[in-house]
N, C-alpha and C. Protein backbone atom coordinates (compact mmCIF):
# COMPACT_ATOMS: atom_id res chain seq x y z
N LYS A 1 6.45 41.88 24.81
CA LYS A 1 7.28 40.68 24.90
C LYS A 1 7.20 39.85 23.62
N MET A 2 6.01 39.80 23.04
CA MET A 2 5.86 39.06 21.80
C MET A 2 6.74 39.64 20.73
N ALA A 3 6.85 40.96 20.68
CA ALA A 3 7.67 41.59 19.65
C ALA A 3 9.14 41.28 19.86
N GLU A 4 9.56 41.02 21.11
CA GLU A 4 10.96 40.74 21.38
C GLU A 4 11.32 39.30 21.02
N THR A 5 10.41 38.37 21.18
CA THR A 5 10.73 36.96 20.96
C THR A 5 10.48 36.53 19.52
N THR A 6 9.65 37.24 18.77
CA THR A 6 9.34 36.87 17.40
C THR A 6 10.30 37.55 16.46
N PRO A 7 10.95 36.81 15.51
CA PRO A 7 11.87 37.44 14.55
C PRO A 7 11.14 38.45 13.70
N THR A 8 11.74 39.57 13.47
CA THR A 8 11.11 40.63 12.69
C THR A 8 11.47 40.47 11.23
N PRO A 9 10.47 40.43 10.33
CA PRO A 9 10.77 40.32 8.89
C PRO A 9 11.60 41.47 8.39
N ALA A 10 11.46 42.65 9.01
CA ALA A 10 12.21 43.81 8.54
C ALA A 10 13.71 43.59 8.68
N ALA A 11 14.12 42.94 9.77
CA ALA A 11 15.54 42.68 9.97
C ALA A 11 16.06 41.72 8.92
N ALA A 12 15.26 40.78 8.53
CA ALA A 12 15.68 39.82 7.52
C ALA A 12 15.79 40.47 6.16
N ARG A 13 14.93 41.47 5.88
CA ARG A 13 14.94 42.11 4.57
C ARG A 13 16.18 42.98 4.38
N THR A 14 16.85 43.33 5.45
CA THR A 14 18.04 44.17 5.31
C THR A 14 19.20 43.41 4.68
N GLU A 15 19.14 42.07 4.61
CA GLU A 15 20.23 41.28 4.08
C GLU A 15 20.03 40.96 2.59
N THR A 16 19.53 41.94 1.83
CA THR A 16 19.29 41.75 0.41
C THR A 16 18.45 40.51 0.19
N GLY A 17 17.14 40.70 0.25
CA GLY A 17 16.21 39.58 0.14
C GLY A 17 16.40 38.77 -1.12
N GLU A 18 16.81 39.42 -2.23
CA GLU A 18 16.97 38.69 -3.49
C GLU A 18 18.10 37.67 -3.37
N THR A 19 19.24 38.09 -2.81
CA THR A 19 20.36 37.17 -2.65
C THR A 19 20.02 36.04 -1.70
N MET A 20 19.27 36.34 -0.65
CA MET A 20 18.89 35.35 0.33
C MET A 20 18.02 34.27 -0.29
N SER A 21 17.06 34.68 -1.10
CA SER A 21 16.16 33.73 -1.74
C SER A 21 16.91 32.83 -2.69
N THR A 22 17.79 33.42 -3.51
CA THR A 22 18.55 32.62 -4.47
C THR A 22 19.44 31.62 -3.77
N LYS A 23 20.06 32.03 -2.68
CA LYS A 23 20.95 31.12 -1.95
C LYS A 23 20.18 29.95 -1.37
N THR A 24 18.99 30.22 -0.80
CA THR A 24 18.21 29.15 -0.19
C THR A 24 17.70 28.18 -1.23
N LEU A 25 17.29 28.71 -2.38
CA LEU A 25 16.76 27.84 -3.43
C LEU A 25 17.84 26.93 -3.97
N ASN A 26 19.09 27.36 -3.92
CA ASN A 26 20.16 26.54 -4.47
C ASN A 26 20.76 25.57 -3.47
N ASP A 27 20.24 25.54 -2.23
CA ASP A 27 20.74 24.61 -1.23
C ASP A 27 20.28 23.20 -1.56
N ASP A 28 21.21 22.33 -1.96
CA ASP A 28 20.93 20.93 -2.29
C ASP A 28 19.72 20.79 -3.21
N PRO A 29 19.74 21.37 -4.40
CA PRO A 29 18.60 21.21 -5.30
C PRO A 29 18.45 19.78 -5.79
N SER A 30 19.58 19.06 -5.87
CA SER A 30 19.50 17.67 -6.34
C SER A 30 18.75 16.80 -5.34
N ASP A 31 18.89 17.10 -4.04
CA ASP A 31 18.18 16.32 -3.03
C ASP A 31 16.67 16.54 -3.14
N ARG A 32 16.28 17.77 -3.34
CA ARG A 32 14.85 18.07 -3.48
C ARG A 32 14.30 17.45 -4.75
N GLU A 33 15.11 17.46 -5.80
CA GLU A 33 14.68 16.84 -7.05
C GLU A 33 14.53 15.34 -6.89
N ALA A 34 15.45 14.71 -6.14
CA ALA A 34 15.35 13.27 -5.90
C ALA A 34 14.11 12.92 -5.09
N LEU A 35 13.77 13.77 -4.12
CA LEU A 35 12.56 13.54 -3.32
C LEU A 35 11.32 13.64 -4.19
N LEU A 36 11.30 14.61 -5.07
CA LEU A 36 10.16 14.78 -5.95
C LEU A 36 10.03 13.62 -6.92
N GLU A 37 11.15 13.15 -7.45
CA GLU A 37 11.13 11.99 -8.35
C GLU A 37 10.65 10.74 -7.62
N SER A 38 11.07 10.59 -6.37
CA SER A 38 10.62 9.45 -5.58
C SER A 38 9.11 9.50 -5.35
N ALA A 39 8.58 10.68 -5.11
CA ALA A 39 7.13 10.82 -4.91
C ALA A 39 6.38 10.50 -6.19
N ILE A 40 6.89 10.96 -7.31
CA ILE A 40 6.23 10.67 -8.59
C ILE A 40 6.29 9.19 -8.90
N ASP A 41 7.43 8.57 -8.63
CA ASP A 41 7.58 7.14 -8.86
C ASP A 41 6.60 6.33 -8.00
N SER A 42 6.46 6.72 -6.75
CA SER A 42 5.52 6.02 -5.86
C SER A 42 4.08 6.21 -6.34
N THR A 43 3.77 7.39 -6.84
CA THR A 43 2.43 7.64 -7.35
C THR A 43 2.12 6.74 -8.54
N GLU A 44 3.07 6.61 -9.46
CA GLU A 44 2.87 5.74 -10.61
C GLU A 44 2.68 4.29 -10.19
N LYS A 45 3.47 3.84 -9.22
CA LYS A 45 3.32 2.46 -8.76
C LYS A 45 1.97 2.24 -8.09
N ILE A 46 1.51 3.23 -7.32
CA ILE A 46 0.21 3.09 -6.67
C ILE A 46 -0.89 2.96 -7.71
N LEU A 47 -0.83 3.75 -8.76
CA LEU A 47 -1.84 3.68 -9.81
C LEU A 47 -1.81 2.32 -10.50
N GLN A 48 -0.62 1.79 -10.77
CA GLN A 48 -0.50 0.47 -11.39
C GLN A 48 -1.04 -0.62 -10.49
N LEU A 49 -0.69 -0.54 -9.21
CA LEU A 49 -1.15 -1.55 -8.26
C LEU A 49 -2.66 -1.50 -8.07
N ARG A 50 -3.22 -0.32 -8.04
CA ARG A 50 -4.67 -0.22 -7.90
C ARG A 50 -5.39 -0.77 -9.12
N GLU A 51 -4.79 -0.59 -10.27
CA GLU A 51 -5.37 -1.18 -11.48
C GLU A 51 -5.35 -2.71 -11.39
N SER A 52 -4.24 -3.25 -10.93
CA SER A 52 -4.15 -4.70 -10.75
C SER A 52 -5.13 -5.17 -9.68
N LEU A 53 -5.30 -4.38 -8.62
CA LEU A 53 -6.24 -4.74 -7.56
C LEU A 53 -7.67 -4.79 -8.08
N ASN A 54 -8.05 -3.80 -8.85
CA ASN A 54 -9.40 -3.79 -9.41
C ASN A 54 -9.63 -4.99 -10.32
N GLU A 55 -8.60 -5.34 -11.07
CA GLU A 55 -8.73 -6.49 -11.98
C GLU A 55 -8.87 -7.80 -11.20
N LEU A 56 -8.09 -7.96 -10.14
CA LEU A 56 -8.18 -9.18 -9.34
C LEU A 56 -9.54 -9.31 -8.66
N ILE A 57 -10.03 -8.22 -8.10
CA ILE A 57 -11.33 -8.28 -7.44
C ILE A 57 -12.44 -8.56 -8.46
N GLU A 58 -12.33 -7.93 -9.62
CA GLU A 58 -13.33 -8.16 -10.66
C GLU A 58 -13.33 -9.62 -11.12
N ASN A 59 -12.13 -10.17 -11.32
CA ASN A 59 -12.04 -11.58 -11.74
C ASN A 59 -12.53 -12.51 -10.63
N GLY A 60 -12.22 -12.19 -9.38
CA GLY A 60 -12.68 -13.03 -8.28
C GLY A 60 -14.20 -13.06 -8.17
N LEU A 61 -14.81 -11.90 -8.32
CA LEU A 61 -16.28 -11.84 -8.28
C LEU A 61 -16.89 -12.53 -9.48
N LEU A 62 -16.23 -12.41 -10.64
CA LEU A 62 -16.74 -13.07 -11.84
C LEU A 62 -16.71 -14.60 -11.70
N GLU A 63 -15.61 -15.12 -11.17
CA GLU A 63 -15.50 -16.57 -10.96
C GLU A 63 -16.53 -17.04 -9.91
N LEU A 64 -16.75 -16.23 -8.90
CA LEU A 64 -17.75 -16.57 -7.89
C LEU A 64 -19.15 -16.59 -8.48
N ALA A 65 -19.43 -15.64 -9.37
CA ALA A 65 -20.73 -15.62 -10.03
C ALA A 65 -20.91 -16.84 -10.93
N ARG A 66 -19.84 -17.30 -11.56
CA ARG A 66 -19.93 -18.48 -12.41
C ARG A 66 -20.27 -19.72 -11.59
N VAL A 67 -19.68 -19.81 -10.40
CA VAL A 67 -19.98 -20.95 -9.53
C VAL A 67 -21.45 -20.94 -9.13
N ARG A 68 -21.94 -19.80 -8.73
CA ARG A 68 -23.33 -19.72 -8.29
C ARG A 68 -24.29 -19.95 -9.45
N TYR A 69 -23.88 -19.58 -10.65
CA TYR A 69 -24.73 -19.80 -11.81
C TYR A 69 -24.79 -21.28 -12.18
N SER A 70 -23.66 -21.96 -12.10
CA SER A 70 -23.61 -23.36 -12.51
C SER A 70 -24.11 -24.32 -11.44
N THR A 71 -23.94 -23.99 -10.18
CA THR A 71 -24.33 -24.91 -9.11
C THR A 71 -25.57 -24.44 -8.33
N GLY A 72 -26.01 -23.23 -8.56
CA GLY A 72 -27.15 -22.72 -7.83
C GLY A 72 -26.74 -21.74 -6.74
N ASN A 73 -27.61 -20.79 -6.47
CA ASN A 73 -27.29 -19.76 -5.48
C ASN A 73 -27.10 -20.31 -4.08
N LYS A 74 -27.86 -21.36 -3.75
CA LYS A 74 -27.81 -21.89 -2.39
C LYS A 74 -26.56 -22.71 -2.13
N SER A 75 -25.90 -23.15 -3.19
CA SER A 75 -24.70 -23.97 -3.00
C SER A 75 -23.50 -23.13 -2.52
N VAL A 76 -23.47 -21.88 -2.88
CA VAL A 76 -22.42 -20.96 -2.44
C VAL A 76 -23.10 -19.71 -1.90
N SER A 77 -23.32 -19.69 -0.61
CA SER A 77 -24.01 -18.58 0.02
C SER A 77 -23.55 -18.46 1.47
N ALA A 78 -24.16 -17.53 2.17
CA ALA A 78 -23.80 -17.32 3.59
C ALA A 78 -24.18 -18.50 4.46
N LEU A 79 -25.06 -19.37 3.96
CA LEU A 79 -25.47 -20.53 4.74
C LEU A 79 -24.32 -21.50 4.97
N GLN A 80 -23.33 -21.50 4.07
CA GLN A 80 -22.19 -22.40 4.19
C GLN A 80 -21.05 -21.82 5.04
N LEU A 81 -21.14 -20.58 5.41
CA LEU A 81 -20.05 -19.96 6.15
C LEU A 81 -19.95 -20.52 7.56
N ASN A 82 -18.72 -20.64 8.04
CA ASN A 82 -18.48 -21.10 9.39
C ASN A 82 -18.63 -19.93 10.35
N MET A 83 -19.66 -19.98 11.18
CA MET A 83 -19.94 -18.89 12.11
C MET A 83 -19.20 -19.04 13.43
N GLY A 84 -18.44 -20.12 13.58
CA GLY A 84 -17.69 -20.31 14.81
C GLY A 84 -16.35 -19.59 14.77
N GLU A 85 -15.49 -19.93 15.71
CA GLU A 85 -14.17 -19.30 15.75
C GLU A 85 -13.29 -19.88 14.64
N VAL A 86 -12.67 -19.02 13.88
CA VAL A 86 -11.80 -19.42 12.79
C VAL A 86 -10.45 -18.73 12.95
N GLU A 87 -9.43 -19.36 12.41
CA GLU A 87 -8.07 -18.81 12.47
C GLU A 87 -7.75 -18.12 11.15
N ALA A 88 -7.25 -16.93 11.24
CA ALA A 88 -6.93 -16.17 10.03
C ALA A 88 -5.78 -16.84 9.28
N LEU A 89 -5.94 -16.98 7.97
CA LEU A 89 -4.88 -17.56 7.15
C LEU A 89 -3.84 -16.52 6.75
N ARG A 90 -4.17 -15.27 6.83
CA ARG A 90 -3.24 -14.20 6.49
C ARG A 90 -3.25 -13.17 7.62
N THR A 91 -2.07 -12.68 7.95
CA THR A 91 -1.91 -11.66 8.99
C THR A 91 -1.05 -10.53 8.44
N VAL A 92 -1.46 -9.33 8.70
CA VAL A 92 -0.69 -8.15 8.27
C VAL A 92 0.04 -7.57 9.48
N ARG A 93 1.35 -7.43 9.33
CA ARG A 93 2.18 -6.89 10.41
C ARG A 93 2.56 -5.46 10.07
N CYS A 94 2.43 -4.60 11.06
CA CYS A 94 2.77 -3.19 10.92
C CYS A 94 4.13 -2.95 11.60
N ASN A 95 5.08 -2.44 10.85
CA ASN A 95 6.45 -2.28 11.36
C ASN A 95 6.86 -0.81 11.38
N PHE A 96 7.56 -0.45 12.46
CA PHE A 96 8.24 0.84 12.57
C PHE A 96 9.71 0.53 12.82
N ASP A 97 10.50 0.45 11.74
CA ASP A 97 11.91 0.08 11.86
C ASP A 97 12.73 1.17 12.54
N ASP A 98 12.34 2.39 12.36
CA ASP A 98 13.07 3.53 12.93
C ASP A 98 12.19 4.22 13.97
N PRO A 99 12.74 4.54 15.16
CA PRO A 99 11.92 5.24 16.16
C PRO A 99 11.35 6.55 15.66
N ASN A 100 12.05 7.20 14.73
CA ASN A 100 11.56 8.46 14.18
C ASN A 100 10.71 8.27 12.92
N GLN A 101 10.45 7.03 12.57
CA GLN A 101 9.66 6.74 11.39
C GLN A 101 8.20 7.13 11.62
N ARG A 102 7.68 7.96 10.76
CA ARG A 102 6.30 8.45 10.93
C ARG A 102 5.28 7.52 10.30
N TYR A 103 5.62 6.95 9.16
CA TYR A 103 4.69 6.08 8.45
C TYR A 103 5.19 4.64 8.51
N PRO A 104 4.33 3.70 8.82
CA PRO A 104 4.77 2.30 9.00
C PRO A 104 4.95 1.60 7.66
N SER A 105 5.64 0.48 7.72
CA SER A 105 5.71 -0.45 6.60
C SER A 105 4.90 -1.69 6.96
N PHE A 106 4.39 -2.36 5.96
CA PHE A 106 3.51 -3.49 6.18
C PHE A 106 4.07 -4.73 5.50
N GLU A 107 3.83 -5.88 6.11
CA GLU A 107 4.19 -7.15 5.48
C GLU A 107 3.08 -8.15 5.75
N LEU A 108 2.83 -8.96 4.75
CA LEU A 108 1.77 -9.97 4.81
C LEU A 108 2.38 -11.28 5.24
N LEU A 109 1.86 -11.87 6.29
CA LEU A 109 2.38 -13.11 6.86
C LEU A 109 1.33 -14.21 6.72
N HIS A 110 1.82 -15.41 6.53
CA HIS A 110 0.94 -16.57 6.53
C HIS A 110 1.70 -17.76 7.05
N PRO A 111 1.07 -18.71 7.72
CA PRO A 111 1.78 -19.87 8.22
C PRO A 111 2.20 -20.80 7.09
N ASP A 112 3.47 -21.21 7.12
CA ASP A 112 3.94 -22.16 6.11
C ASP A 112 3.86 -23.57 6.68
N SER A 113 4.46 -24.50 6.00
CA SER A 113 4.35 -25.91 6.39
C SER A 113 5.01 -26.19 7.72
N THR A 114 5.97 -25.35 8.15
CA THR A 114 6.67 -25.59 9.40
C THR A 114 6.07 -24.81 10.56
N GLY A 115 5.05 -24.02 10.26
CA GLY A 115 4.39 -23.25 11.31
C GLY A 115 5.00 -21.89 11.54
N SER A 116 6.05 -21.54 10.81
CA SER A 116 6.65 -20.21 10.95
C SER A 116 5.93 -19.25 10.02
N THR A 117 6.43 -18.03 9.95
CA THR A 117 5.81 -17.04 9.10
C THR A 117 6.73 -16.68 7.97
N THR A 118 6.14 -16.30 6.84
CA THR A 118 6.87 -15.96 5.65
C THR A 118 6.49 -14.56 5.20
N LYS A 119 7.47 -13.77 4.83
CA LYS A 119 7.21 -12.40 4.40
C LYS A 119 6.71 -12.38 2.98
N GLU A 120 5.64 -11.61 2.73
CA GLU A 120 5.09 -11.48 1.39
C GLU A 120 4.92 -10.01 1.02
N GLY A 121 5.57 -9.13 1.75
CA GLY A 121 5.29 -7.71 1.54
C GLY A 121 6.09 -7.02 0.46
N GLU A 122 6.93 -7.77 -0.30
CA GLU A 122 7.72 -7.12 -1.34
C GLU A 122 6.82 -6.73 -2.51
N LEU A 123 7.18 -5.63 -3.13
CA LEU A 123 6.41 -5.14 -4.26
C LEU A 123 6.52 -6.11 -5.43
N ARG A 124 5.39 -6.46 -6.04
CA ARG A 124 5.36 -7.42 -7.13
C ARG A 124 4.86 -6.75 -8.40
N GLN A 125 5.47 -7.12 -9.50
CA GLN A 125 5.03 -6.64 -10.80
C GLN A 125 4.13 -7.73 -11.39
N ARG A 126 2.87 -7.38 -11.58
CA ARG A 126 1.90 -8.36 -12.06
C ARG A 126 1.40 -7.96 -13.44
N ARG A 127 1.42 -8.89 -14.34
CA ARG A 127 0.90 -8.63 -15.67
C ARG A 127 -0.61 -8.84 -15.67
N GLN A 128 -1.25 -8.27 -16.64
CA GLN A 128 -2.71 -8.30 -16.68
C GLN A 128 -3.23 -9.71 -16.89
N ALA A 129 -2.56 -10.48 -17.71
CA ALA A 129 -3.04 -11.83 -18.00
C ALA A 129 -2.44 -12.89 -17.08
N GLU A 130 -1.67 -12.45 -16.11
CA GLU A 130 -1.02 -13.43 -15.23
C GLU A 130 -2.04 -14.08 -14.33
N GLU A 131 -2.00 -15.41 -14.22
CA GLU A 131 -2.93 -16.13 -13.38
C GLU A 131 -2.35 -16.24 -11.97
N PRO A 132 -3.16 -16.08 -10.93
CA PRO A 132 -2.66 -16.19 -9.56
C PRO A 132 -1.99 -17.53 -9.32
N SER A 133 -0.92 -17.51 -8.54
CA SER A 133 -0.15 -18.73 -8.29
C SER A 133 -0.91 -19.67 -7.39
N ASP A 134 -0.70 -20.99 -7.59
CA ASP A 134 -1.35 -21.99 -6.77
C ASP A 134 -0.77 -21.98 -5.35
N GLU A 135 0.51 -21.62 -5.23
CA GLU A 135 1.16 -21.65 -3.93
C GLU A 135 0.52 -20.65 -2.97
N ALA A 136 0.10 -19.50 -3.51
CA ALA A 136 -0.49 -18.48 -2.65
C ALA A 136 -1.82 -18.90 -2.07
N ALA A 137 -2.51 -19.85 -2.75
CA ALA A 137 -3.83 -20.26 -2.29
C ALA A 137 -3.79 -21.51 -1.44
N GLN A 138 -2.63 -22.14 -1.33
CA GLN A 138 -2.55 -23.37 -0.56
C GLN A 138 -2.63 -23.06 0.92
N SER A 139 -3.34 -23.90 1.64
CA SER A 139 -3.44 -23.78 3.08
C SER A 139 -3.72 -25.15 3.64
N SER A 140 -3.64 -25.26 4.95
CA SER A 140 -3.88 -26.56 5.56
C SER A 140 -5.31 -26.96 5.33
N PRO A 141 -5.60 -28.25 5.13
CA PRO A 141 -6.96 -28.70 4.84
C PRO A 141 -7.96 -28.30 5.90
N LYS A 142 -7.53 -28.25 7.15
CA LYS A 142 -8.47 -27.93 8.22
C LYS A 142 -8.91 -26.47 8.19
N ASN A 143 -8.02 -25.60 7.75
CA ASN A 143 -8.33 -24.18 7.78
C ASN A 143 -8.79 -23.63 6.44
N ASP A 144 -8.74 -24.42 5.40
CA ASP A 144 -9.10 -23.93 4.07
C ASP A 144 -10.59 -23.61 4.03
N PRO A 145 -10.97 -22.36 3.77
CA PRO A 145 -12.39 -22.01 3.71
C PRO A 145 -13.15 -22.74 2.61
N LEU A 146 -12.46 -23.25 1.61
CA LEU A 146 -13.14 -23.98 0.55
C LEU A 146 -13.83 -25.23 1.06
N ARG A 147 -13.35 -25.76 2.17
CA ARG A 147 -13.97 -26.95 2.74
C ARG A 147 -15.38 -26.67 3.26
N TRP A 148 -15.69 -25.42 3.48
CA TRP A 148 -17.05 -25.08 3.91
C TRP A 148 -18.06 -25.40 2.82
N PHE A 149 -17.61 -25.42 1.58
CA PHE A 149 -18.51 -25.62 0.46
C PHE A 149 -18.43 -27.02 -0.13
N GLY A 150 -17.78 -27.94 0.60
CA GLY A 150 -17.71 -29.31 0.14
C GLY A 150 -16.28 -29.76 -0.06
N VAL A 151 -16.12 -31.04 -0.39
CA VAL A 151 -14.79 -31.61 -0.61
C VAL A 151 -14.31 -31.34 -2.03
N LEU A 152 -15.12 -31.64 -3.00
CA LEU A 152 -14.78 -31.40 -4.40
C LEU A 152 -15.49 -30.14 -4.87
N VAL A 153 -14.84 -29.03 -4.70
CA VAL A 153 -15.45 -27.75 -5.08
C VAL A 153 -15.11 -27.45 -6.53
N PRO A 154 -15.94 -26.66 -7.21
CA PRO A 154 -15.66 -26.30 -8.60
C PRO A 154 -14.35 -25.52 -8.74
N GLN A 155 -13.74 -25.67 -9.90
CA GLN A 155 -12.49 -24.96 -10.16
C GLN A 155 -12.69 -23.43 -10.16
N SER A 156 -13.86 -23.01 -10.56
CA SER A 156 -14.13 -21.57 -10.55
C SER A 156 -14.05 -21.01 -9.13
N LEU A 157 -14.47 -21.80 -8.15
CA LEU A 157 -14.40 -21.35 -6.77
C LEU A 157 -12.95 -21.27 -6.30
N ARG A 158 -12.13 -22.20 -6.73
CA ARG A 158 -10.70 -22.16 -6.39
C ARG A 158 -10.02 -20.95 -7.04
N ARG A 159 -10.37 -20.69 -8.29
CA ARG A 159 -9.79 -19.53 -8.97
C ARG A 159 -10.23 -18.22 -8.31
N SER A 160 -11.47 -18.20 -7.84
CA SER A 160 -11.94 -17.02 -7.14
C SER A 160 -11.15 -16.79 -5.85
N GLN A 161 -10.88 -17.87 -5.13
CA GLN A 161 -10.09 -17.76 -3.90
C GLN A 161 -8.69 -17.23 -4.20
N LYS A 162 -8.07 -17.72 -5.26
CA LYS A 162 -6.73 -17.26 -5.63
C LYS A 162 -6.72 -15.76 -5.95
N CYS A 163 -7.75 -15.32 -6.64
CA CYS A 163 -7.82 -13.90 -6.99
C CYS A 163 -7.89 -13.03 -5.74
N PHE A 164 -8.71 -13.44 -4.78
CA PHE A 164 -8.86 -12.62 -3.57
C PHE A 164 -7.60 -12.69 -2.69
N ILE A 165 -6.91 -13.83 -2.69
CA ILE A 165 -5.66 -13.91 -1.93
C ILE A 165 -4.61 -12.98 -2.54
N ASN A 166 -4.50 -13.00 -3.86
CA ASN A 166 -3.55 -12.11 -4.52
C ASN A 166 -3.96 -10.64 -4.37
N ALA A 167 -5.26 -10.40 -4.30
CA ALA A 167 -5.73 -9.03 -4.07
C ALA A 167 -5.26 -8.52 -2.72
N LEU A 168 -5.26 -9.39 -1.72
CA LEU A 168 -4.76 -8.99 -0.40
C LEU A 168 -3.28 -8.63 -0.45
N GLU A 169 -2.52 -9.37 -1.24
CA GLU A 169 -1.10 -9.06 -1.38
C GLU A 169 -0.91 -7.69 -2.04
N VAL A 170 -1.75 -7.39 -3.04
CA VAL A 170 -1.64 -6.10 -3.72
C VAL A 170 -2.02 -4.97 -2.77
N ILE A 171 -3.01 -5.22 -1.91
CA ILE A 171 -3.41 -4.19 -0.94
C ILE A 171 -2.25 -3.81 -0.03
N VAL A 172 -1.49 -4.81 0.40
CA VAL A 172 -0.33 -4.54 1.25
C VAL A 172 0.72 -3.75 0.48
N ASP A 173 0.91 -4.10 -0.79
CA ASP A 173 1.86 -3.35 -1.62
C ASP A 173 1.42 -1.90 -1.79
N VAL A 174 0.12 -1.69 -1.97
CA VAL A 174 -0.39 -0.32 -2.09
C VAL A 174 -0.14 0.47 -0.80
N ALA A 175 -0.39 -0.17 0.33
CA ALA A 175 -0.18 0.50 1.62
C ALA A 175 1.29 0.89 1.80
N ASN A 176 2.20 0.02 1.38
CA ASN A 176 3.63 0.33 1.50
C ASN A 176 4.01 1.50 0.60
N GLU A 177 3.49 1.49 -0.62
CA GLU A 177 3.81 2.58 -1.54
C GLU A 177 3.20 3.90 -1.06
N GLN A 178 2.03 3.85 -0.45
CA GLN A 178 1.44 5.06 0.09
C GLN A 178 2.27 5.62 1.25
N SER A 179 2.85 4.73 2.05
CA SER A 179 3.75 5.18 3.11
C SER A 179 4.99 5.83 2.52
N HIS A 180 5.54 5.23 1.46
CA HIS A 180 6.71 5.81 0.80
C HIS A 180 6.37 7.19 0.23
N LEU A 181 5.19 7.29 -0.39
CA LEU A 181 4.78 8.56 -0.98
C LEU A 181 4.61 9.64 0.09
N ALA A 182 3.96 9.29 1.19
CA ALA A 182 3.75 10.26 2.27
C ALA A 182 5.07 10.71 2.87
N ALA A 183 6.00 9.77 3.05
CA ALA A 183 7.31 10.13 3.61
C ALA A 183 8.09 11.03 2.66
N ALA A 184 8.02 10.72 1.35
CA ALA A 184 8.73 11.54 0.37
C ALA A 184 8.16 12.95 0.30
N LEU A 185 6.84 13.07 0.37
CA LEU A 185 6.21 14.39 0.33
C LEU A 185 6.53 15.19 1.59
N ASP A 186 6.55 14.52 2.74
CA ASP A 186 6.91 15.22 3.98
C ASP A 186 8.34 15.74 3.92
N ALA A 187 9.25 14.89 3.42
CA ALA A 187 10.64 15.31 3.30
C ALA A 187 10.79 16.46 2.30
N TYR A 188 10.01 16.41 1.23
CA TYR A 188 10.08 17.48 0.23
C TYR A 188 9.57 18.79 0.81
N ARG A 189 8.47 18.72 1.56
CA ARG A 189 7.96 19.94 2.19
C ARG A 189 8.93 20.49 3.24
N ALA A 190 9.56 19.59 3.97
CA ALA A 190 10.50 20.03 5.00
C ALA A 190 11.72 20.70 4.39
N SER A 191 12.09 20.31 3.17
CA SER A 191 13.25 20.91 2.51
C SER A 191 12.89 22.14 1.71
N LYS A 192 11.64 22.56 1.77
CA LYS A 192 11.21 23.72 1.01
C LYS A 192 11.94 24.96 1.49
N PRO A 193 12.51 25.74 0.61
CA PRO A 193 13.25 26.93 1.04
C PRO A 193 12.37 27.87 1.84
N ALA A 194 12.97 28.46 2.87
CA ALA A 194 12.21 29.35 3.75
C ALA A 194 11.97 30.70 3.12
N ALA A 195 12.81 31.09 2.16
CA ALA A 195 12.70 32.43 1.59
C ALA A 195 12.18 32.40 0.18
N THR A 196 11.19 31.56 -0.08
CA THR A 196 10.64 31.48 -1.43
C THR A 196 9.58 32.54 -1.68
N VAL A 197 9.04 33.13 -0.63
CA VAL A 197 8.01 34.15 -0.79
C VAL A 197 8.68 35.48 -1.10
N ARG A 198 8.41 35.97 -2.29
CA ARG A 198 9.05 37.21 -2.72
C ARG A 198 8.13 38.41 -2.53
N GLU A 199 6.84 38.14 -2.27
CA GLU A 199 5.88 39.23 -2.13
C GLU A 199 5.99 39.85 -0.74
N VAL A 200 7.08 40.56 -0.48
CA VAL A 200 7.31 41.19 0.82
C VAL A 200 7.24 42.70 0.63
N GLU A 201 6.51 43.31 1.48
CA GLU A 201 6.39 44.77 1.38
C GLU A 201 7.73 45.42 1.71
N PRO A 202 8.14 46.45 1.01
CA PRO A 202 9.41 47.14 1.29
C PRO A 202 9.33 47.90 2.61
């Protein structure tokens, strides 16, 4: 029964295997090329974003070290952290726009002045010397973690906070690009010609 239900390679070879392979390879080659270009483009963007992410984290840690050096280790430590219930200032939403979508898209949400949410998930081009925006670090006074360390905190601590906030934005961008890359590679593999294997015994 297995022999009856499984297609026999011998029957397929009777249709001039060389012509069959050439025909399959030429089916929409531009589409396969576009998928491959999309995958390469996503890979380049991921590498650029990860480089920006490493730079932001490094700068954030450096600014934090400056604060601890100038004010003392005990002034900025785990002793100042709020161990009670806190409300997250940033929320990541996972979206599946299409029921057949295999990989999700992500968007970074934060409460604005009206209490609604604002989308931050668009891909951003960041220069190496670009300083994090003040708007990204603004939050309500009650929820701002900087208040844990006093009212008048050093500027280095504020800059450190901005770096880590922007790092979170880059992380979401990386996740989106990785989803694009995975989807492009899946589509490329699915479009792979079925008759590309020429090593068939006569």
